[in-house]
N, C-alpha and C. Protein backbone atom coordinates (compact mmCIF):
# COMPACT_ATOMS: atom_id res chain seq x y z
N MET A 1 -133.52 -121.89 85.92
CA MET A 1 -133.35 -123.33 85.16
C MET A 1 -132.02 -123.72 85.32
N SER A 2 -132.23 -125.07 85.41
CA SER A 2 -130.77 -126.14 85.73
C SER A 2 -131.44 -127.39 85.16
N GLY A 3 -130.20 -128.10 84.61
CA GLY A 3 -130.63 -129.35 84.32
C GLY A 3 -129.35 -129.86 83.47
N GLN A 4 -129.33 -131.13 82.88
CA GLN A 4 -128.46 -131.68 82.31
C GLN A 4 -128.82 -131.67 80.72
N VAL A 5 -127.75 -131.27 79.83
CA VAL A 5 -127.70 -130.82 78.29
C VAL A 5 -126.96 -131.67 77.62
N GLN A 6 -127.06 -132.27 76.52
CA GLN A 6 -126.31 -133.00 75.45
C GLN A 6 -126.32 -131.92 74.57
N GLY A 7 -124.91 -131.61 74.30
CA GLY A 7 -124.55 -130.63 73.20
C GLY A 7 -123.63 -130.97 72.18
N THR A 8 -123.70 -130.56 71.14
CA THR A 8 -122.67 -130.76 70.20
C THR A 8 -121.65 -129.96 70.49
N GLY A 9 -120.44 -130.50 70.49
CA GLY A 9 -119.05 -129.56 70.97
C GLY A 9 -119.05 -129.38 72.60
N LEU A 10 -120.07 -129.42 73.23
CA LEU A 10 -119.92 -129.64 74.65
C LEU A 10 -119.97 -130.83 75.27
N GLY A 11 -120.70 -131.89 74.58
CA GLY A 11 -120.92 -133.27 75.02
C GLY A 11 -121.96 -133.04 75.97
N LYS A 12 -121.88 -134.00 77.11
CA LYS A 12 -122.81 -133.96 78.35
C LYS A 12 -122.28 -132.46 79.25
N SER A 13 -123.34 -132.01 79.36
CA SER A 13 -123.24 -130.42 80.04
C SER A 13 -124.19 -130.33 81.24
N THR A 14 -124.00 -129.23 81.75
CA THR A 14 -125.09 -128.71 82.80
C THR A 14 -125.41 -127.30 82.18
N LEU A 15 -126.74 -126.93 82.48
CA LEU A 15 -127.12 -125.79 82.24
C LEU A 15 -127.47 -125.31 83.58
N ASP A 16 -127.24 -123.80 83.81
CA ASP A 16 -127.59 -123.22 85.06
C ASP A 16 -127.85 -121.90 84.85
N ALA A 17 -129.01 -121.57 84.68
CA ALA A 17 -129.39 -120.13 84.22
C ALA A 17 -130.72 -119.47 85.21
N CYS A 18 -130.75 -118.20 84.99
CA CYS A 18 -131.69 -117.45 85.83
C CYS A 18 -132.33 -116.68 84.85
N TYR A 19 -133.61 -116.60 85.09
CA TYR A 19 -134.75 -116.08 83.86
C TYR A 19 -135.84 -115.12 84.74
N THR A 20 -135.36 -113.65 84.81
CA THR A 20 -136.36 -112.50 85.55
C THR A 20 -137.38 -112.16 84.78
N ILE A 21 -138.61 -112.32 85.17
CA ILE A 21 -139.90 -111.82 84.62
C ILE A 21 -140.17 -110.24 84.89
N ILE A 22 -140.17 -109.42 83.70
CA ILE A 22 -140.26 -108.00 84.00
C ILE A 22 -141.60 -107.96 84.34
N LEU A 23 -142.07 -107.48 85.21
CA LEU A 23 -143.56 -107.23 85.90
C LEU A 23 -143.97 -105.85 85.11
N GLY A 24 -145.32 -106.02 84.64
CA GLY A 24 -145.61 -104.72 83.94
C GLY A 24 -145.47 -104.81 82.38
N SER A 25 -144.89 -105.72 82.02
CA SER A 25 -144.72 -105.95 80.38
C SER A 25 -145.53 -106.90 79.69
N SER A 26 -146.92 -106.90 80.63
CA SER A 26 -147.97 -108.08 79.95
C SER A 26 -148.08 -107.79 78.44
N ASN A 27 -148.18 -108.96 77.72
CA ASN A 27 -148.57 -108.80 75.99
C ASN A 27 -149.53 -110.10 76.06
N GLY A 28 -150.97 -109.58 76.58
CA GLY A 28 -151.85 -110.89 76.54
C GLY A 28 -151.48 -111.78 77.58
N ALA A 29 -151.35 -113.21 77.52
CA ALA A 29 -150.71 -114.03 78.38
C ALA A 29 -149.29 -114.11 78.59
N CYS A 30 -148.63 -113.48 77.90
CA CYS A 30 -147.20 -113.26 78.04
C CYS A 30 -146.63 -112.20 78.83
N LEU A 31 -145.34 -112.61 79.77
CA LEU A 31 -144.82 -111.46 79.99
C LEU A 31 -143.38 -111.62 79.65
N SER A 32 -142.75 -110.35 79.29
CA SER A 32 -141.11 -110.25 79.04
C SER A 32 -140.27 -110.52 79.94
N GLY A 33 -139.12 -110.95 79.73
CA GLY A 33 -137.94 -111.25 80.61
C GLY A 33 -136.69 -111.31 80.00
N LEU A 34 -135.79 -111.58 80.90
CA LEU A 34 -134.20 -111.50 80.68
C LEU A 34 -133.69 -112.30 81.58
N GLY A 35 -132.31 -113.09 81.23
CA GLY A 35 -131.63 -113.87 81.76
C GLY A 35 -130.33 -114.14 81.31
N ILE A 36 -129.82 -114.99 82.18
CA ILE A 36 -128.04 -115.18 81.79
C ILE A 36 -127.90 -116.55 82.56
N GLY A 37 -127.06 -117.35 81.92
CA GLY A 37 -126.81 -118.64 82.17
C GLY A 37 -125.47 -119.37 81.86
N THR A 38 -125.09 -120.28 82.22
CA THR A 38 -124.08 -120.81 82.01
C THR A 38 -123.82 -122.54 81.30
N LEU A 39 -123.66 -122.99 80.29
CA LEU A 39 -123.40 -124.05 79.80
C LEU A 39 -122.15 -124.65 80.41
N THR A 40 -122.09 -125.61 81.10
CA THR A 40 -120.59 -126.34 81.60
C THR A 40 -120.54 -127.74 81.33
N ALA A 41 -119.37 -127.72 80.32
CA ALA A 41 -119.08 -129.38 80.10
C ALA A 41 -118.45 -130.16 80.96
N ALA A 42 -118.63 -131.46 80.70
CA ALA A 42 -117.95 -132.36 81.77
C ALA A 42 -116.66 -131.85 81.95
N ASN A 43 -115.65 -131.43 81.38
CA ASN A 43 -114.55 -131.11 81.56
C ASN A 43 -114.49 -129.78 82.29
N GLY A 44 -115.23 -129.08 82.71
CA GLY A 44 -115.39 -127.96 83.40
C GLY A 44 -115.27 -126.46 82.57
N LYS A 45 -115.22 -126.76 81.28
CA LYS A 45 -115.12 -125.68 80.23
C LYS A 45 -116.43 -125.06 80.15
N ALA A 46 -116.66 -123.86 79.84
CA ALA A 46 -118.03 -123.18 80.13
C ALA A 46 -118.30 -122.26 78.72
N VAL A 47 -119.36 -122.09 78.71
CA VAL A 47 -120.17 -121.06 77.31
C VAL A 47 -120.94 -120.11 78.20
N ASN A 48 -120.79 -118.80 78.26
CA ASN A 48 -121.73 -118.00 79.02
C ASN A 48 -122.93 -117.35 78.09
N ILE A 49 -124.19 -117.31 78.25
CA ILE A 49 -125.21 -116.85 77.52
C ILE A 49 -125.98 -116.01 77.95
N SER A 50 -126.46 -114.86 77.51
CA SER A 50 -127.45 -114.12 77.70
C SER A 50 -128.62 -114.01 77.15
N PHE A 51 -130.04 -114.02 77.55
CA PHE A 51 -131.27 -114.32 76.76
C PHE A 51 -132.28 -113.41 77.03
N GLY A 52 -133.19 -113.23 76.25
CA GLY A 52 -134.57 -112.60 76.71
C GLY A 52 -135.75 -113.06 75.52
N GLY A 53 -136.75 -112.68 76.31
CA GLY A 53 -137.83 -113.24 75.37
C GLY A 53 -139.33 -113.25 76.35
N ASN A 54 -140.29 -114.10 75.56
CA ASN A 54 -141.64 -114.01 76.36
C ASN A 54 -141.58 -115.44 77.24
N PHE A 55 -142.56 -115.15 78.26
CA PHE A 55 -142.91 -116.26 79.35
C PHE A 55 -144.32 -116.10 79.14
N CYS A 56 -144.77 -117.36 78.58
CA CYS A 56 -146.22 -117.34 78.37
C CYS A 56 -147.04 -118.27 79.24
N LEU A 57 -148.33 -118.04 79.82
CA LEU A 57 -148.99 -118.99 80.39
C LEU A 57 -149.63 -119.80 79.57
N ALA A 58 -149.56 -121.06 79.59
CA ALA A 58 -150.10 -121.76 78.53
C ALA A 58 -151.64 -122.66 78.76
N ASP A 59 -151.65 -123.02 80.42
CA ASP A 59 -152.86 -123.32 80.95
C ASP A 59 -152.61 -123.08 82.29
N LEU A 60 -153.74 -123.09 83.31
CA LEU A 60 -153.80 -123.11 84.57
C LEU A 60 -154.79 -124.50 84.98
N ASN A 61 -154.35 -125.04 86.00
CA ASN A 61 -155.65 -125.77 86.81
C ASN A 61 -155.72 -125.22 88.07
N THR A 62 -156.59 -124.80 88.36
CA THR A 62 -156.64 -124.09 89.78
C THR A 62 -157.11 -125.18 90.83
N SER A 63 -157.73 -126.28 90.71
CA SER A 63 -157.91 -127.12 91.36
C SER A 63 -156.73 -127.87 92.04
N THR A 64 -155.73 -128.05 91.37
CA THR A 64 -154.53 -128.66 91.65
C THR A 64 -153.24 -127.56 91.77
N SER A 65 -153.50 -126.35 91.73
CA SER A 65 -152.74 -125.17 91.46
C SER A 65 -151.54 -125.63 90.66
N THR A 66 -151.80 -126.07 89.46
CA THR A 66 -150.71 -126.26 88.54
C THR A 66 -150.71 -125.51 87.48
N LEU A 67 -149.30 -124.63 87.22
CA LEU A 67 -149.33 -123.81 86.31
C LEU A 67 -148.47 -124.37 85.05
N TYR A 68 -149.11 -124.60 83.68
CA TYR A 68 -148.53 -124.85 82.65
C TYR A 68 -147.70 -123.51 81.88
N TYR A 69 -146.80 -123.40 81.48
CA TYR A 69 -145.96 -122.26 80.96
C TYR A 69 -145.02 -122.45 79.85
N SER A 70 -144.47 -121.86 78.94
CA SER A 70 -143.78 -121.94 77.75
C SER A 70 -143.19 -120.79 77.65
N THR A 71 -141.69 -120.71 77.15
CA THR A 71 -141.00 -119.72 76.56
C THR A 71 -140.61 -119.72 75.05
N ASN A 72 -140.17 -118.81 74.53
CA ASN A 72 -139.80 -118.60 73.48
C ASN A 72 -138.60 -117.26 73.50
N LEU A 73 -137.23 -117.81 73.60
CA LEU A 73 -136.37 -116.82 74.24
C LEU A 73 -135.15 -116.66 72.90
N THR A 74 -134.51 -115.83 72.92
CA THR A 74 -133.58 -115.56 72.03
C THR A 74 -132.05 -115.38 72.77
N TYR A 75 -131.01 -116.19 72.41
CA TYR A 75 -129.74 -116.00 73.11
C TYR A 75 -128.72 -115.36 72.34
N VAL A 76 -127.72 -114.81 73.32
CA VAL A 76 -126.51 -114.34 72.55
C VAL A 76 -125.49 -115.04 73.15
N VAL A 77 -124.40 -115.59 72.66
CA VAL A 77 -123.08 -116.03 73.29
C VAL A 77 -122.22 -115.30 73.84
N GLU A 78 -121.61 -114.97 74.97
CA GLU A 78 -120.60 -113.94 75.44
C GLU A 78 -119.47 -114.55 76.29
N GLY A 79 -118.79 -115.52 75.25
CA GLY A 79 -117.71 -115.83 75.58
C GLY A 79 -117.86 -117.20 76.72
N GLY A 80 -116.83 -117.31 77.17
CA GLY A 80 -116.83 -118.54 78.18
C GLY A 80 -115.07 -118.63 78.51
N THR A 81 -115.25 -120.22 79.14
CA THR A 81 -113.83 -120.60 79.36
C THR A 81 -112.68 -121.37 78.49
N GLY A 82 -111.46 -121.49 78.76
CA GLY A 82 -110.93 -122.72 77.89
C GLY A 82 -111.05 -122.17 76.36
N PRO A 83 -111.45 -123.25 75.67
CA PRO A 83 -111.52 -122.97 74.31
C PRO A 83 -112.81 -122.15 73.60
N PHE A 84 -113.45 -121.96 75.04
CA PHE A 84 -114.77 -121.11 74.43
C PHE A 84 -114.78 -119.76 74.74
N ALA A 85 -113.46 -119.33 75.25
CA ALA A 85 -113.37 -117.84 75.76
C ALA A 85 -113.43 -116.61 74.81
N THR A 86 -113.34 -117.15 73.41
CA THR A 86 -113.87 -116.17 72.23
C THR A 86 -114.89 -116.57 71.60
N GLU A 87 -115.70 -117.29 72.04
CA GLU A 87 -116.86 -117.66 71.52
C GLU A 87 -117.80 -116.54 71.19
N THR A 88 -118.52 -116.56 69.77
CA THR A 88 -119.56 -115.76 69.94
C THR A 88 -120.79 -116.82 69.05
N GLY A 89 -121.89 -116.33 69.02
CA GLY A 89 -123.06 -116.92 68.58
C GLY A 89 -124.41 -116.47 68.86
N THR A 90 -125.49 -116.92 68.36
CA THR A 90 -127.24 -116.83 68.74
C THR A 90 -127.47 -117.95 68.47
N GLY A 91 -129.00 -117.96 69.19
CA GLY A 91 -129.79 -119.15 68.85
C GLY A 91 -131.08 -118.99 69.42
N ASN A 92 -131.90 -119.87 69.80
CA ASN A 92 -133.10 -119.83 70.38
C ASN A 92 -133.24 -120.64 71.65
N ILE A 93 -134.03 -120.48 72.52
CA ILE A 93 -134.10 -121.37 73.55
C ILE A 93 -135.72 -121.59 73.70
N THR A 94 -136.34 -122.70 73.77
CA THR A 94 -137.78 -122.86 74.00
C THR A 94 -137.64 -123.67 75.20
N THR A 95 -138.93 -123.30 76.01
CA THR A 95 -139.12 -124.51 77.24
C THR A 95 -140.57 -124.54 77.09
N SER A 96 -140.73 -125.92 77.61
CA SER A 96 -142.23 -126.27 78.24
C SER A 96 -142.04 -126.81 79.87
N ASN A 97 -142.62 -126.05 80.56
CA ASN A 97 -142.40 -126.52 81.88
C ASN A 97 -143.87 -126.66 82.70
N ILE A 98 -144.01 -127.14 83.68
CA ILE A 98 -145.01 -127.48 84.59
C ILE A 98 -144.76 -126.66 85.97
N PHE A 99 -145.30 -126.04 86.69
CA PHE A 99 -144.96 -125.35 87.73
C PHE A 99 -146.19 -125.93 89.08
N VAL A 100 -145.99 -126.37 89.90
CA VAL A 100 -146.58 -127.07 91.01
C VAL A 100 -146.65 -125.63 91.94
N SER A 101 -147.74 -125.15 92.49
CA SER A 101 -147.46 -123.93 93.26
C SER A 101 -146.78 -124.62 94.73
N GLY A 102 -145.66 -124.08 95.29
CA GLY A 102 -145.09 -124.22 96.38
C GLY A 102 -145.37 -123.14 97.44
N GLY A 103 -146.38 -122.35 97.25
CA GLY A 103 -146.60 -121.40 98.10
C GLY A 103 -146.16 -120.09 97.68
N SER A 104 -145.35 -119.41 98.62
CA SER A 104 -144.66 -117.87 98.08
C SER A 104 -143.15 -117.87 98.38
N THR A 105 -142.78 -119.25 98.29
CA THR A 105 -141.44 -119.49 98.00
C THR A 105 -140.80 -119.33 96.55
N THR A 106 -139.70 -118.45 96.48
CA THR A 106 -139.05 -118.35 95.22
C THR A 106 -137.67 -118.91 95.23
N PRO A 107 -137.07 -119.33 94.19
CA PRO A 107 -137.72 -119.89 93.20
C PRO A 107 -139.05 -120.68 93.09
N ILE A 108 -139.86 -120.87 92.25
CA ILE A 108 -140.82 -121.69 92.12
C ILE A 108 -140.53 -122.86 91.80
N PRO A 109 -140.68 -124.21 92.46
CA PRO A 109 -139.99 -125.42 92.05
C PRO A 109 -140.79 -125.71 90.79
N GLY A 110 -140.25 -126.39 89.63
CA GLY A 110 -140.73 -127.15 88.52
C GLY A 110 -140.20 -127.83 87.88
N THR A 111 -140.89 -128.75 86.82
CA THR A 111 -140.02 -129.67 85.94
C THR A 111 -140.54 -129.23 84.60
N GLY A 112 -139.55 -129.84 83.67
CA GLY A 112 -140.24 -129.36 82.25
C GLY A 112 -138.77 -129.64 81.19
N GLU A 113 -139.03 -129.48 79.88
CA GLU A 113 -137.90 -129.42 78.97
C GLU A 113 -137.34 -128.18 78.47
N ILE A 114 -136.28 -128.26 78.16
CA ILE A 114 -135.63 -127.10 77.54
C ILE A 114 -134.78 -127.22 76.40
N SER A 115 -134.94 -126.82 75.23
CA SER A 115 -134.39 -127.14 74.13
C SER A 115 -133.67 -125.81 73.60
N ILE A 116 -132.54 -125.87 73.59
CA ILE A 116 -131.22 -124.76 72.98
C ILE A 116 -130.69 -125.12 71.48
N ASN A 117 -131.10 -124.07 70.91
CA ASN A 117 -130.59 -124.46 69.18
C ASN A 117 -129.75 -123.34 68.90
N GLY A 118 -128.79 -123.27 67.81
CA GLY A 118 -128.05 -122.32 67.46
C GLY A 118 -126.62 -122.67 67.05
N ASN A 119 -125.84 -121.54 66.80
CA ASN A 119 -124.46 -122.05 66.35
C ASN A 119 -123.40 -121.09 67.33
N LEU A 120 -122.06 -121.64 67.38
CA LEU A 120 -120.91 -121.07 68.00
C LEU A 120 -119.82 -120.65 66.96
N SER A 121 -119.61 -119.72 66.89
CA SER A 121 -118.29 -119.19 66.08
C SER A 121 -117.13 -118.83 66.84
N LYS A 122 -116.15 -119.58 66.48
CA LYS A 122 -114.89 -118.91 67.24
C LYS A 122 -114.20 -117.62 66.46
N ASN A 123 -114.05 -116.57 67.31
CA ASN A 123 -113.49 -115.41 67.01
C ASN A 123 -111.85 -115.28 67.27
């Protein structure tokens, strides 16, 4: 997952994250997964996060090979750089995305929206 973020305290930032689905963790239409990521502010200062939760199939259009999915993840802040070096915190990440089949390539290209909510606390 990557893209532009507007965050309180970070301002205009970018998100660069990787979410790995754990095969064999099926719970109905959902699979569990784990990930790590970095929110980087325009000034280069960064906040590191780790997260986990469910990756759920919302809908599938087989005629266009379009896959619609959503996630509901919980994250933990694991420090960062500069003023964020000792930050801690927790929150939620939700996504809604549309993947269009790109064949067997990984990662699968897609578009969507990511919402990150939570709090940072200086230690």
